[in-house]
Amino acid sequence: MRISHSRAVLLMVLVTLMWSIAGVVTRHLEAARSFEVTFWRSAFNVLALTVALLAMRGPRLWADLRRGGWPLWVSGLCWMVMYTNFMVAITLTTVATVLITMSIAPLITALFSRVFLHHRLPRRTWVAIAVAGAGIAWMFGAQAFSGSTSMTGALVALGVPIAGATNWVLLQHLHQRHARDPSIQEPDMLPAVLLGALLSAAITLPLSLPFSATAHDLSLLGLLGVVQLAIPCLLVVQLTKVLPAPEISLIGLLEVIFGVLLAWVGAGEAPGPTALSGGALVIGALLFNEWLAMRERAAAGTRIAGEPGSI
């Protein structure tokens, strides 16, 4: 089914909301720590994705995994890094530090798009990225990078935006290659989400033994595996066919805002006036960029409708 740009934007906002629950949920775990947290979340993600993809693809899913070629494996490795590094980082340092580090994703994605896809980005997108980045730096800079913050967690978290930018640009490249030459079949990249979850669970299993998670922990990690990972990750793969990679990454900055608000309400981590004003900059940049984009699309549609012979 063809998704309109405006509906794709709304779905991407929903995706960021689902992604953002990880911090507050993790803070309510009783005994599970570090690699065990990552393993159980990835394992539940594997179960949910297997059920969903078998329902969507049937037995063809296993054939798609075997015939996926290098794009499927590269995308799967990117998903593995995103799954693993995020959760390990969030157990090593504050949610704020992880989110700040991830907030550079639009800059990396825009740079990769420019270098590898030769995209000429609109000036409004560069301005929105700069304003949003300034808002996030203002929002968390003082508290996230104080002496009490673990820089190890920040370095681990750095793998998330790098892997994410690589993945979005790869998916855009495959879609655009098919659009230019329909004789080139566009590979089905949904199985890469499952492949990434399998790899993440496999590499963290030996590091998580012996298990210490309680039944309470397993219920929360099951929630993360399904609602925070499986559903939004399947959605975002489809959205890459409608939204350009830099726009996906820019809207993804809302995860920072949602994550802070959820941690405030659900875990008592009050952001304070600095965070609120910085959050206003981020949301304002996103809304202004989308408003300008809507005006440009409307103007382009008006010009086409006014051309001789148009219907």
C-alpha atoms as a PDB file:
ATOM      1  CA  MET A   1       0.000   0.000   0.000  1.00  0.00           C
ATOM      2  CA  ARG A   2       1.330   3.430  -0.963  1.00  0.00           C
ATOM      3  CA  ILE A   3       1.856   5.700   2.052  1.00  0.00           C
ATOM      4  CA  SER A   4       1.573   9.473   1.645  1.00  0.00           C
ATOM      5  CA  HIS A   5       4.391  11.674   2.907  1.00  0.00           C
ATOM      6  CA  SER A   6       2.294  13.240   5.669  1.00  0.00           C
ATOM      7  CA  ARG A   7       1.113   9.835   6.908  1.00  0.00           C
ATOM      8  CA  ALA A   8       4.694   8.549   6.787  1.00  0.00           C
ATOM      9  CA  VAL A   9       5.776  11.477   8.986  1.00  0.00           C
ATOM     10  CA  LEU A  10       3.051  10.668  11.534  1.00  0.00           C
ATOM     11  CA  LEU A  11       4.053   6.996  11.543  1.00  0.00           C
ATOM     12  CA  MET A  12       7.696   7.984  12.059  1.00  0.00           C
ATOM     13  CA  VAL A  13       6.679  10.085  15.063  1.00  0.00           C
ATOM     14  CA  LEU A  14       4.867   7.016  16.447  1.00  0.00           C
ATOM     15  CA  VAL A  15       8.027   4.962  15.839  1.00  0.00           C
ATOM     16  CA  THR A  16      10.115   7.408  17.882  1.00  0.00           C
ATOM     17  CA  LEU A  17       7.555   7.278  20.701  1.00  0.00           C
ATOM     18  CA  MET A  18       7.835   3.488  20.859  1.00  0.00           C
ATOM     19  CA  TRP A  19      11.633   3.656  20.711  1.00  0.00           C
ATOM     20  CA  SER A  20      11.706   6.153  23.585  1.00  0.00           C
ATOM     21  CA  ILE A  21      10.285   3.845  26.282  1.00  0.00           C
ATOM     22  CA  ALA A  22      13.570   1.933  26.690  1.00  0.00           C
ATOM     23  CA  GLY A  23      15.132   4.301  29.222  1.00  0.00           C
ATOM     24  CA  VAL A  24      12.247   4.500  31.659  1.00  0.00           C
ATOM     25  CA  VAL A  25      11.481   0.768  31.446  1.00  0.00           C
ATOM     26  CA  THR A  26      15.126  -0.171  32.037  1.00  0.00           C
ATOM     27  CA  ARG A  27      15.229   1.939  35.188  1.00  0.00           C
ATOM     28  CA  HIS A  28      12.545  -0.318  36.713  1.00  0.00           C
ATOM     29  CA  LEU A  29      14.467  -3.576  36.291  1.00  0.00           C
ATOM     30  CA  GLU A  30      15.182  -5.434  39.534  1.00  0.00           C
ATOM     31  CA  ALA A  31      18.200  -7.675  38.891  1.00  0.00           C
ATOM     32  CA  ALA A  32      19.079  -7.919  35.186  1.00  0.00           C
ATOM     33  CA  ARG A  33      22.121  -5.868  34.186  1.00  0.00           C
ATOM     34  CA  SER A  34      24.256  -4.985  31.135  1.00  0.00           C
ATOM     35  CA  PHE A  35      24.614  -7.810  28.609  1.00  0.00           C
ATOM     36  CA  GLU A  36      21.771  -9.842  30.119  1.00  0.00           C
ATOM     37  CA  VAL A  37      19.401  -6.932  29.546  1.00  0.00           C
ATOM     38  CA  THR A  38      20.532  -6.768  25.927  1.00  0.00           C
ATOM     39  CA  PHE A  39      20.237 -10.527  25.432  1.00  0.00           C
ATOM     40  CA  TRP A  40      16.683 -10.847  26.757  1.00  0.00           C
ATOM     41  CA  ARG A  41      15.453  -7.795  24.832  1.00  0.00           C
ATOM     42  CA  SER A  42      16.989  -9.145  21.617  1.00  0.00           C
ATOM     43  CA  ALA A  43      15.680 -12.670  22.288  1.00  0.00           C
ATOM     44  CA  PHE A  44      12.114 -11.418  22.752  1.00  0.00           C
ATOM     45  CA  ASN A  45      12.607  -9.284  19.653  1.00  0.00           C
ATOM     46  CA  VAL A  46      13.590 -12.424  17.715  1.00  0.00           C
ATOM     47  CA  LEU A  47      10.416 -14.202  18.821  1.00  0.00           C
ATOM     48  CA  ALA A  48       8.165 -11.268  17.913  1.00  0.00           C
ATOM     49  CA  LEU A  49       9.837 -10.688  14.550  1.00  0.00           C
ATOM     50  CA  THR A  50       9.714 -14.379  13.652  1.00  0.00           C
ATOM     51  CA  VAL A  51       5.973 -14.510  14.309  1.00  0.00           C
ATOM     52  CA  ALA A  52       5.330 -11.247  12.437  1.00  0.00           C
ATOM     53  CA  LEU A  53       7.503 -12.049   9.416  1.00  0.00           C
ATOM     54  CA  LEU A  54       6.194 -15.612   9.105  1.00  0.00           C
ATOM     55  CA  ALA A  55       2.670 -14.178   9.101  1.00  0.00           C
ATOM     56  CA  MET A  56       3.701 -11.684   6.397  1.00  0.00           C
ATOM     57  CA  ARG A  57       6.013 -13.865   4.293  1.00  0.00           C
ATOM     58  CA  GLY A  58       5.245 -17.462   5.230  1.00  0.00           C
ATOM     59  CA  PRO A  59       7.934 -20.094   4.581  1.00  0.00           C
ATOM     60  CA  ARG A  60       9.439 -17.746   1.966  1.00  0.00           C
ATOM     61  CA  LEU A  61      11.057 -15.886   4.896  1.00  0.00           C
ATOM     62  CA  TRP A  62      13.801 -18.516   5.241  1.00  0.00           C
ATOM     63  CA  ALA A  63      14.492 -18.469   1.505  1.00  0.00           C
ATOM     64  CA  ASP A  64      14.709 -14.652   1.612  1.00  0.00           C
ATOM     65  CA  LEU A  65      17.285 -14.889   4.395  1.00  0.00           C
ATOM     66  CA  ARG A  66      19.398 -17.291   2.343  1.00  0.00           C
ATOM     67  CA  ARG A  67      19.149 -15.298  -0.901  1.00  0.00           C
ATOM     68  CA  GLY A  68      19.398 -11.808   0.596  1.00  0.00           C
ATOM     69  CA  GLY A  69      22.988 -11.238  -0.468  1.00  0.00           C
ATOM     70  CA  TRP A  70      25.368  -8.633   0.900  1.00  0.00           C
ATOM     71  CA  PRO A  71      22.762  -5.840   1.387  1.00  0.00           C
ATOM     72  CA  LEU A  72      20.779  -8.034   3.778  1.00  0.00           C
ATOM     73  CA  TRP A  73      23.875  -8.894   5.808  1.00  0.00           C
ATOM     74  CA  VAL A  74      25.149  -5.312   5.958  1.00  0.00           C
ATOM     75  CA  SER A  75      21.732  -4.096   7.092  1.00  0.00           C
ATOM     76  CA  GLY A  76      21.521  -6.960   9.593  1.00  0.00           C
ATOM     77  CA  LEU A  77      24.895  -5.998  11.062  1.00  0.00           C
ATOM     78  CA  CYS A  78      23.713  -2.393  11.358  1.00  0.00           C
ATOM     79  CA  TRP A  79      20.599  -3.527  13.223  1.00  0.00           C
ATOM     80  CA  MET A  80      22.775  -5.692  15.491  1.00  0.00           C
ATOM     81  CA  VAL A  81      24.956  -2.715  16.440  1.00  0.00           C
ATOM     82  CA  MET A  82      21.904  -0.523  17.072  1.00  0.00           C
ATOM     83  CA  TYR A  83      20.192  -3.175  19.205  1.00  0.00           C
ATOM     84  CA  THR A  84      23.294  -4.090  21.191  1.00  0.00           C
ATOM     85  CA  ASN A  85      25.129  -0.803  21.681  1.00  0.00           C
ATOM     86  CA  PHE A  86      22.062   1.144  22.749  1.00  0.00           C
ATOM     87  CA  MET A  87      21.069  -1.243  25.507  1.00  0.00           C
ATOM     88  CA  VAL A  88      24.605  -1.829  26.768  1.00  0.00           C
ATOM     89  CA  ALA A  89      25.222   1.942  26.828  1.00  0.00           C
ATOM     90  CA  ILE A  90      22.042   2.662  28.726  1.00  0.00           C
ATOM     91  CA  THR A  91      23.174   0.274  31.485  1.00  0.00           C
ATOM     92  CA  LEU A  92      26.607   1.950  31.667  1.00  0.00           C
ATOM     93  CA  THR A  93      25.622   5.593  31.842  1.00  0.00           C
ATOM     94  CA  THR A  94      22.673   7.981  32.065  1.00  0.00           C
ATOM     95  CA  VAL A  95      19.788   8.011  29.610  1.00  0.00           C
ATOM     96  CA  ALA A  96      20.675  11.646  28.847  1.00  0.00           C
ATOM     97  CA  THR A  97      24.218  10.769  27.778  1.00  0.00           C
ATOM     98  CA  VAL A  98      23.018   8.013  25.458  1.00  0.00           C
ATOM     99  CA  LEU A  99      20.351  10.213  23.887  1.00  0.00           C
ATOM    100  CA  ILE A 100      22.752  13.110  23.369  1.00  0.00           C
ATOM    101  CA  THR A 101      25.223  10.838  21.629  1.00  0.00           C
ATOM    102  CA  MET A 102      22.470   9.428  19.419  1.00  0.00           C
ATOM    103  CA  SER A 103      21.280  12.929  18.534  1.00  0.00           C
ATOM    104  CA  ILE A 104      24.163  13.373  16.084  1.00  0.00           C
ATOM    105  CA  ALA A 105      22.446  10.836  13.801  1.00  0.00           C
ATOM    106  CA  PRO A 106      20.958  13.480  11.439  1.00  0.00           C
ATOM    107  CA  LEU A 107      24.372  15.029  10.883  1.00  0.00           C
ATOM    108  CA  ILE A 108      25.980  11.650  10.131  1.00  0.00           C
ATOM    109  CA  THR A 109      23.054  10.602   7.919  1.00  0.00           C
ATOM    110  CA  ALA A 110      23.141  13.869   5.982  1.00  0.00           C
ATOM    111  CA  LEU A 111      26.890  13.526   5.513  1.00  0.00           C
ATOM    112  CA  PHE A 112      26.609   9.896   4.352  1.00  0.00           C
ATOM    113  CA  SER A 113      23.743  10.847   1.993  1.00  0.00           C
ATOM    114  CA  ARG A 114      25.824  13.635   0.506  1.00  0.00           C
ATOM    115  CA  VAL A 115      28.949  11.466   0.096  1.00  0.00           C
ATOM    116  CA  PHE A 116      27.457   8.145  -0.995  1.00  0.00           C
ATOM    117  CA  LEU A 117      24.127   9.111  -2.594  1.00  0.00           C
ATOM    118  CA  HIS A 118      25.154  12.579  -3.845  1.00  0.00           C
ATOM    119  CA  HIS A 119      22.037  14.137  -2.339  1.00  0.00           C
ATOM    120  CA  ARG A 120      21.758  17.907  -2.381  1.00  0.00           C
ATOM    121  CA  LEU A 121      20.006  18.680   0.866  1.00  0.00           C
ATOM    122  CA  PRO A 122      17.704  21.705   1.147  1.00  0.00           C
ATOM    123  CA  ARG A 123      19.065  24.558   3.208  1.00  0.00           C
ATOM    124  CA  ARG A 124      16.069  24.255   5.546  1.00  0.00           C
ATOM    125  CA  THR A 125      17.138  20.698   6.464  1.00  0.00           C
ATOM    126  CA  TRP A 126      20.660  21.799   7.348  1.00  0.00           C
ATOM    127  CA  VAL A 127      19.276  24.680   9.420  1.00  0.00           C
ATOM    128  CA  ALA A 128      16.808  22.363  11.192  1.00  0.00           C
ATOM    129  CA  ILE A 129      19.592  19.893  11.996  1.00  0.00           C
ATOM    130  CA  ALA A 130      21.769  22.689  13.382  1.00  0.00           C
ATOM    131  CA  VAL A 131      18.979  24.145  15.522  1.00  0.00           C
ATOM    132  CA  ALA A 132      17.896  20.727  16.797  1.00  0.00           C
ATOM    133  CA  GLY A 133      21.488  19.821  17.626  1.00  0.00           C
ATOM    134  CA  ALA A 134      21.932  23.088  19.494  1.00  0.00           C
ATOM    135  CA  GLY A 135      18.740  22.422  21.426  1.00  0.00           C
ATOM    136  CA  ILE A 136      19.910  18.981  22.498  1.00  0.00           C
ATOM    137  CA  ALA A 137      23.352  20.276  23.475  1.00  0.00           C
ATOM    138  CA  TRP A 138      21.698  23.026  25.517  1.00  0.00           C
ATOM    139  CA  MET A 139      19.222  20.588  27.035  1.00  0.00           C
ATOM    140  CA  PHE A 140      21.656  18.022  28.407  1.00  0.00           C
ATOM    141  CA  GLY A 141      25.178  19.307  27.972  1.00  0.00           C
ATOM    142  CA  ALA A 142      25.815  20.482  31.506  1.00  0.00           C
ATOM    143  CA  GLN A 143      24.441  17.405  33.277  1.00  0.00           C
ATOM    144  CA  ALA A 144      25.230  14.613  30.807  1.00  0.00           C
ATOM    145  CA  PHE A 145      28.938  15.324  30.435  1.00  0.00           C
ATOM    146  CA  SER A 146      29.716  16.224  34.012  1.00  0.00           C
ATOM    147  CA  GLY A 147      32.457  14.407  35.866  1.00  0.00           C
ATOM    148  CA  SER A 148      30.040  11.768  37.155  1.00  0.00           C
ATOM    149  CA  THR A 149      29.047  10.566  33.707  1.00  0.00           C
ATOM    150  CA  SER A 150      30.642   7.439  32.275  1.00  0.00           C
ATOM    151  CA  MET A 151      32.304   8.280  28.977  1.00  0.00           C
ATOM    152  CA  THR A 152      32.538   4.552  28.241  1.00  0.00           C
ATOM    153  CA  GLY A 153      28.761   4.513  27.859  1.00  0.00           C
ATOM    154  CA  ALA A 154      28.924   7.506  25.520  1.00  0.00           C
ATOM    155  CA  LEU A 155      31.534   5.801  23.337  1.00  0.00           C
ATOM    156  CA  VAL A 156      29.452   2.618  23.161  1.00  0.00           C
ATOM    157  CA  ALA A 157      26.374   4.686  22.271  1.00  0.00           C
ATOM    158  CA  LEU A 158      28.301   6.351  19.424  1.00  0.00           C
ATOM    159  CA  GLY A 159      27.941   3.133  17.430  1.00  0.00           C
ATOM    160  CA  VAL A 160      24.163   3.603  17.290  1.00  0.00           C
ATOM    161  CA  PRO A 161      24.001   6.751  15.103  1.00  0.00           C
ATOM    162  CA  ILE A 162      26.848   5.515  12.888  1.00  0.00           C
ATOM    163  CA  ALA A 163      25.117   2.179  12.292  1.00  0.00           C
ATOM    164  CA  GLY A 164      21.741   3.879  11.896  1.00  0.00           C
ATOM    165  CA  ALA A 165      23.042   6.333   9.296  1.00  0.00           C
ATOM    166  CA  THR A 166      24.710   3.497   7.380  1.00  0.00           C
ATOM    167  CA  ASN A 167      21.485   1.488   7.412  1.00  0.00           C
ATOM    168  CA  TRP A 168      19.187   4.318   6.284  1.00  0.00           C
ATOM    169  CA  VAL A 169      21.526   5.302   3.449  1.00  0.00           C
ATOM    170  CA  LEU A 170      21.843   1.673   2.302  1.00  0.00           C
ATOM    171  CA  LEU A 171      18.052   1.248   2.234  1.00  0.00           C
ATOM    172  CA  GLN A 172      17.665   4.510   0.311  1.00  0.00           C
ATOM    173  CA  HIS A 173      20.323   3.418  -2.196  1.00  0.00           C
ATOM    174  CA  LEU A 174      18.538   0.119  -2.872  1.00  0.00           C
ATOM    175  CA  HIS A 175      15.174   1.848  -3.295  1.00  0.00           C
ATOM    176  CA  GLN A 176      16.550   4.537  -5.611  1.00  0.00           C
ATOM    177  CA  ARG A 177      18.467   1.981  -7.693  1.00  0.00           C
ATOM    178  CA  HIS A 178      15.224   0.090  -8.291  1.00  0.00           C
ATOM    179  CA  ALA A 179      13.369   3.333  -9.103  1.00  0.00           C
ATOM    180  CA  ARG A 180      15.980   4.255 -11.725  1.00  0.00           C
ATOM    181  CA  ASP A 181      16.029   0.793 -13.250  1.00  0.00           C
ATOM    182  CA  PRO A 182      12.918  -1.314 -12.512  1.00  0.00           C
ATOM    183  CA  SER A 183      14.623  -4.339 -14.073  1.00  0.00           C
ATOM    184  CA  ILE A 184      16.847  -4.463 -10.967  1.00  0.00           C
ATOM    185  CA  GLN A 185      14.831  -6.199  -8.291  1.00  0.00           C
ATOM    186  CA  GLU A 186      14.684  -4.352  -4.984  1.00  0.00           C
ATOM    187  CA  PRO A 187      15.632  -6.819  -2.223  1.00  0.00           C
ATOM    188  CA  ASP A 188      13.240  -7.421   0.646  1.00  0.00           C
ATOM    189  CA  MET A 189      15.069  -5.885   3.604  1.00  0.00           C
ATOM    190  CA  LEU A 190      12.542  -6.702   6.328  1.00  0.00           C
ATOM    191  CA  PRO A 191      14.348  -9.990   7.168  1.00  0.00           C
ATOM    192  CA  ALA A 192      17.448  -7.897   8.016  1.00  0.00           C
ATOM    193  CA  VAL A 193      15.618  -6.691  11.137  1.00  0.00           C
ATOM    194  CA  LEU A 194      15.295 -10.316  12.260  1.00  0.00           C
ATOM    195  CA  LEU A 195      18.879 -11.087  11.279  1.00  0.00           C
ATOM    196  CA  GLY A 196      20.135  -8.197  13.418  1.00  0.00           C
ATOM    197  CA  ALA A 197      18.134  -9.418  16.406  1.00  0.00           C
ATOM    198  CA  LEU A 198      19.504 -12.954  15.994  1.00  0.00           C
ATOM    199  CA  LEU A 199      23.086 -11.691  15.832  1.00  0.00           C
ATOM    200  CA  SER A 200      22.575  -9.426  18.860  1.00  0.00           C
ATOM    201  CA  ALA A 201      21.141 -12.268  20.950  1.00  0.00           C
ATOM    202  CA  ALA A 202      23.922 -14.641  19.836  1.00  0.00           C
ATOM    203  CA  ILE A 203      26.843 -12.378  20.737  1.00  0.00           C
ATOM    204  CA  THR A 204      25.417 -11.284  24.108  1.00  0.00           C
ATOM    205  CA  LEU A 205      24.279 -14.738  25.303  1.00  0.00           C
ATOM    206  CA  PRO A 206      27.683 -15.970  26.547  1.00  0.00           C
ATOM    207  CA  LEU A 207      28.390 -12.575  28.118  1.00  0.00           C
ATOM    208  CA  SER A 208      25.106 -12.560  30.058  1.00  0.00           C
ATOM    209  CA  LEU A 209      25.563 -15.876  31.899  1.00  0.00           C
ATOM    210  CA  PRO A 210      24.674 -16.697  34.613  1.00  0.00           C
ATOM    211  CA  PHE A 211      21.192 -15.211  34.317  1.00  0.00           C
ATOM    212  CA  SER A 212      19.871 -13.103  37.187  1.00  0.00           C
ATOM    213  CA  ALA A 213      16.680 -11.615  35.687  1.00  0.00           C
ATOM    214  CA  THR A 214      13.503 -11.993  37.732  1.00  0.00           C
ATOM    215  CA  ALA A 215      10.050 -12.704  36.328  1.00  0.00           C
ATOM    216  CA  HIS A 216       9.348  -8.971  36.704  1.00  0.00           C
ATOM    217  CA  ASP A 217      12.445  -8.171  34.651  1.00  0.00           C
ATOM    218  CA  LEU A 218      11.512 -10.662  31.939  1.00  0.00           C
ATOM    219  CA  SER A 219       8.050  -9.120  31.567  1.00  0.00           C
ATOM    220  CA  LEU A 220       9.565  -5.652  31.102  1.00  0.00           C
ATOM    221  CA  LEU A 221      12.228  -6.900  28.697  1.00  0.00           C
ATOM    222  CA  GLY A 222       9.547  -8.766  26.736  1.00  0.00           C
ATOM    223  CA  LEU A 223       7.672  -5.461  26.442  1.00  0.00           C
ATOM    224  CA  LEU A 224      10.823  -3.815  25.089  1.00  0.00           C
ATOM    225  CA  GLY A 225      11.490  -6.641  22.644  1.00  0.00           C
ATOM    226  CA  VAL A 226       8.020  -6.405  21.111  1.00  0.00           C
ATOM    227  CA  VAL A 227       6.806  -2.801  21.489  1.00  0.00           C
ATOM    228  CA  GLN A 228      10.097  -0.915  21.626  1.00  0.00           C
ATOM    229  CA  LEU A 229      11.906  -2.931  18.951  1.00  0.00           C
ATOM    230  CA  ALA A 230       9.964  -5.346  16.744  1.00  0.00           C
ATOM    231  CA  ILE A 231       6.988  -3.170  15.785  1.00  0.00           C
ATOM    232  CA  PRO A 232       8.777   0.175  15.210  1.00  0.00           C
ATOM    233  CA  CYS A 233      11.730  -1.408  13.396  1.00  0.00           C
ATOM    234  CA  LEU A 234       9.433  -3.175  10.926  1.00  0.00           C
ATOM    235  CA  LEU A 235       7.629   0.120  10.368  1.00  0.00           C
ATOM    236  CA  VAL A 236      10.760   2.187   9.801  1.00  0.00           C
ATOM    237  CA  VAL A 237      12.051  -0.161   7.083  1.00  0.00           C
ATOM    238  CA  GLN A 238       8.838   0.501   5.140  1.00  0.00           C
ATOM    239  CA  LEU A 239       9.042   4.241   5.796  1.00  0.00           C
ATOM    240  CA  THR A 240      12.474   4.463   4.126  1.00  0.00           C
ATOM    241  CA  LYS A 241      10.608   3.994   0.836  1.00  0.00           C
ATOM    242  CA  VAL A 242       8.747   7.274   1.396  1.00  0.00           C
ATOM    243  CA  LEU A 243      10.925   9.474   3.608  1.00  0.00           C
ATOM    244  CA  PRO A 244      14.506  10.435   2.687  1.00  0.00           C
ATOM    245  CA  ALA A 245      17.207   9.211   5.069  1.00  0.00           C
ATOM    246  CA  PRO A 246      18.047  12.659   6.559  1.00  0.00           C
ATOM    247  CA  GLU A 247      14.362  13.312   7.280  1.00  0.00           C
ATOM    248  CA  ILE A 248      13.973   9.963   9.033  1.00  0.00           C
ATOM    249  CA  SER A 249      17.003  10.727  11.152  1.00  0.00           C
ATOM    250  CA  LEU A 250      15.782  14.243  11.904  1.00  0.00           C
ATOM    251  CA  ILE A 251      12.326  13.115  13.017  1.00  0.00           C
ATOM    252  CA  GLY A 252      14.074  10.427  15.044  1.00  0.00           C
ATOM    253  CA  LEU A 253      15.394  13.219  17.275  1.00  0.00           C
ATOM    254  CA  LEU A 254      11.953  13.249  18.869  1.00  0.00           C
ATOM    255  CA  GLU A 255      13.055  10.103  20.685  1.00  0.00           C
ATOM    256  CA  VAL A 256      15.210  12.388  22.836  1.00  0.00           C
ATOM    257  CA  ILE A 257      12.235  14.522  23.825  1.00  0.00           C
ATOM    258  CA  PHE A 258       9.899  11.603  24.426  1.00  0.00           C
ATOM    259  CA  GLY A 259      12.601   9.719  26.332  1.00  0.00           C
ATOM    260  CA  VAL A 260      13.216  12.653  28.668  1.00  0.00           C
ATOM    261  CA  LEU A 261       9.518  13.184  29.322  1.00  0.00           C
ATOM    262  CA  LEU A 262       8.917   9.480  30.028  1.00  0.00           C
ATOM    263  CA  ALA A 263      11.912   9.348  32.371  1.00  0.00           C
ATOM    264  CA  TRP A 264      10.562  12.442  34.119  1.00  0.00           C
ATOM    265  CA  VAL A 265       7.077  11.009  34.594  1.00  0.00           C
ATOM    266  CA  GLY A 266       7.974   7.349  35.033  1.00  0.00           C
ATOM    267  CA  ALA A 267      11.293   7.447  36.891  1.00  0.00           C
ATOM    268  CA  GLY A 268      11.345  10.839  38.581  1.00  0.00           C
ATOM    269  CA  GLU A 269      14.223  12.249  36.499  1.00  0.00           C
ATOM    270  CA  ALA A 270      13.106  15.882  36.238  1.00  0.00           C
ATOM    271  CA  PRO A 271      14.699  17.592  33.209  1.00  0.00           C
ATOM    272  CA  GLY A 272      14.573  21.109  34.633  1.00  0.00           C
ATOM    273  CA  PRO A 273      14.086  24.414  32.790  1.00  0.00           C
ATOM    274  CA  THR A 274      17.199  23.979  30.624  1.00  0.00           C
ATOM    275  CA  ALA A 275      15.931  20.701  29.237  1.00  0.00           C
ATOM    276  CA  LEU A 276      12.487  22.144  28.625  1.00  0.00           C
ATOM    277  CA  SER A 277      13.826  25.129  26.684  1.00  0.00           C
ATOM    278  CA  GLY A 278      16.195  22.912  24.707  1.00  0.00           C
ATOM    279  CA  GLY A 279      13.342  20.528  23.949  1.00  0.00           C
ATOM    280  CA  ALA A 280      11.326  23.435  22.613  1.00  0.00           C
ATOM    281  CA  LEU A 281      14.150  24.194  20.169  1.00  0.00           C
ATOM    282  CA  VAL A 282      14.225  20.604  18.938  1.00  0.00           C
ATOM    283  CA  ILE A 283      10.472  20.302  18.452  1.00  0.00           C
ATOM    284  CA  GLY A 284      10.348  23.775  16.909  1.00  0.00           C
ATOM    285  CA  ALA A 285      13.054  22.852  14.394  1.00  0.00           C
ATOM    286  CA  LEU A 286      11.242  19.655  13.427  1.00  0.00           C
ATOM    287  CA  LEU A 287       7.868  21.355  13.028  1.00  0.00           C
ATOM    288  CA  PHE A 288       9.312  24.287  11.090  1.00  0.00           C
ATOM    289  CA  ASN A 289      11.183  21.981   8.721  1.00  0.00           C
ATOM    290  CA  GLU A 290       8.057  19.905   8.079  1.00  0.00           C
ATOM    291  CA  TRP A 291       5.956  23.057   7.566  1.00  0.00           C
ATOM    292  CA  LEU A 292       8.401  24.387   4.968  1.00  0.00           C
ATOM    293  CA  ALA A 293       8.467  20.991   3.250  1.00  0.00           C
ATOM    294  CA  MET A 294       4.660  20.926   3.077  1.00  0.00           C
ATOM    295  CA  ARG A 295       4.640  24.418   1.550  1.00  0.00           C
ATOM    296  CA  GLU A 296       7.215  23.378  -1.044  1.00  0.00           C
ATOM    297  CA  ARG A 297       5.205  20.278  -2.003  1.00  0.00           C
ATOM    298  CA  ALA A 298       1.987  22.311  -2.200  1.00  0.00           C
ATOM    299  CA  ALA A 299       3.687  24.938  -4.390  1.00  0.00           C
ATOM    300  CA  ALA A 300       5.101  22.244  -6.664  1.00  0.00           C
ATOM    301  CA  GLY A 301       1.655  20.650  -6.976  1.00  0.00           C
ATOM    302  CA  THR A 302       0.115  24.017  -7.849  1.00  0.00           C
ATOM    303  CA  ARG A 303       2.711  24.634 -10.588  1.00  0.00           C
ATOM    304  CA  ILE A 304       2.108  21.191 -12.118  1.00  0.00           C
ATOM    305  CA  ALA A 305      -1.668  21.670 -12.016  1.00  0.00           C
ATOM    306  CA  GLY A 306      -1.324  25.020 -13.766  1.00  0.00           C
ATOM    307  CA  GLU A 307       0.727  23.698 -16.670  1.00  0.00           C
ATOM    308  CA  PRO A 308      -1.006  23.432 -20.099  1.00  0.00           C
ATOM    309  CA  GLY A 309      -2.506  20.037 -20.687  1.00  0.00           C
ATOM    310  CA  SER A 310      -2.480  19.040 -17.010  1.00  0.00           C
ATOM    311  CA  ILE A 311      -5.557  17.442 -15.497  1.00  0.00           C
END
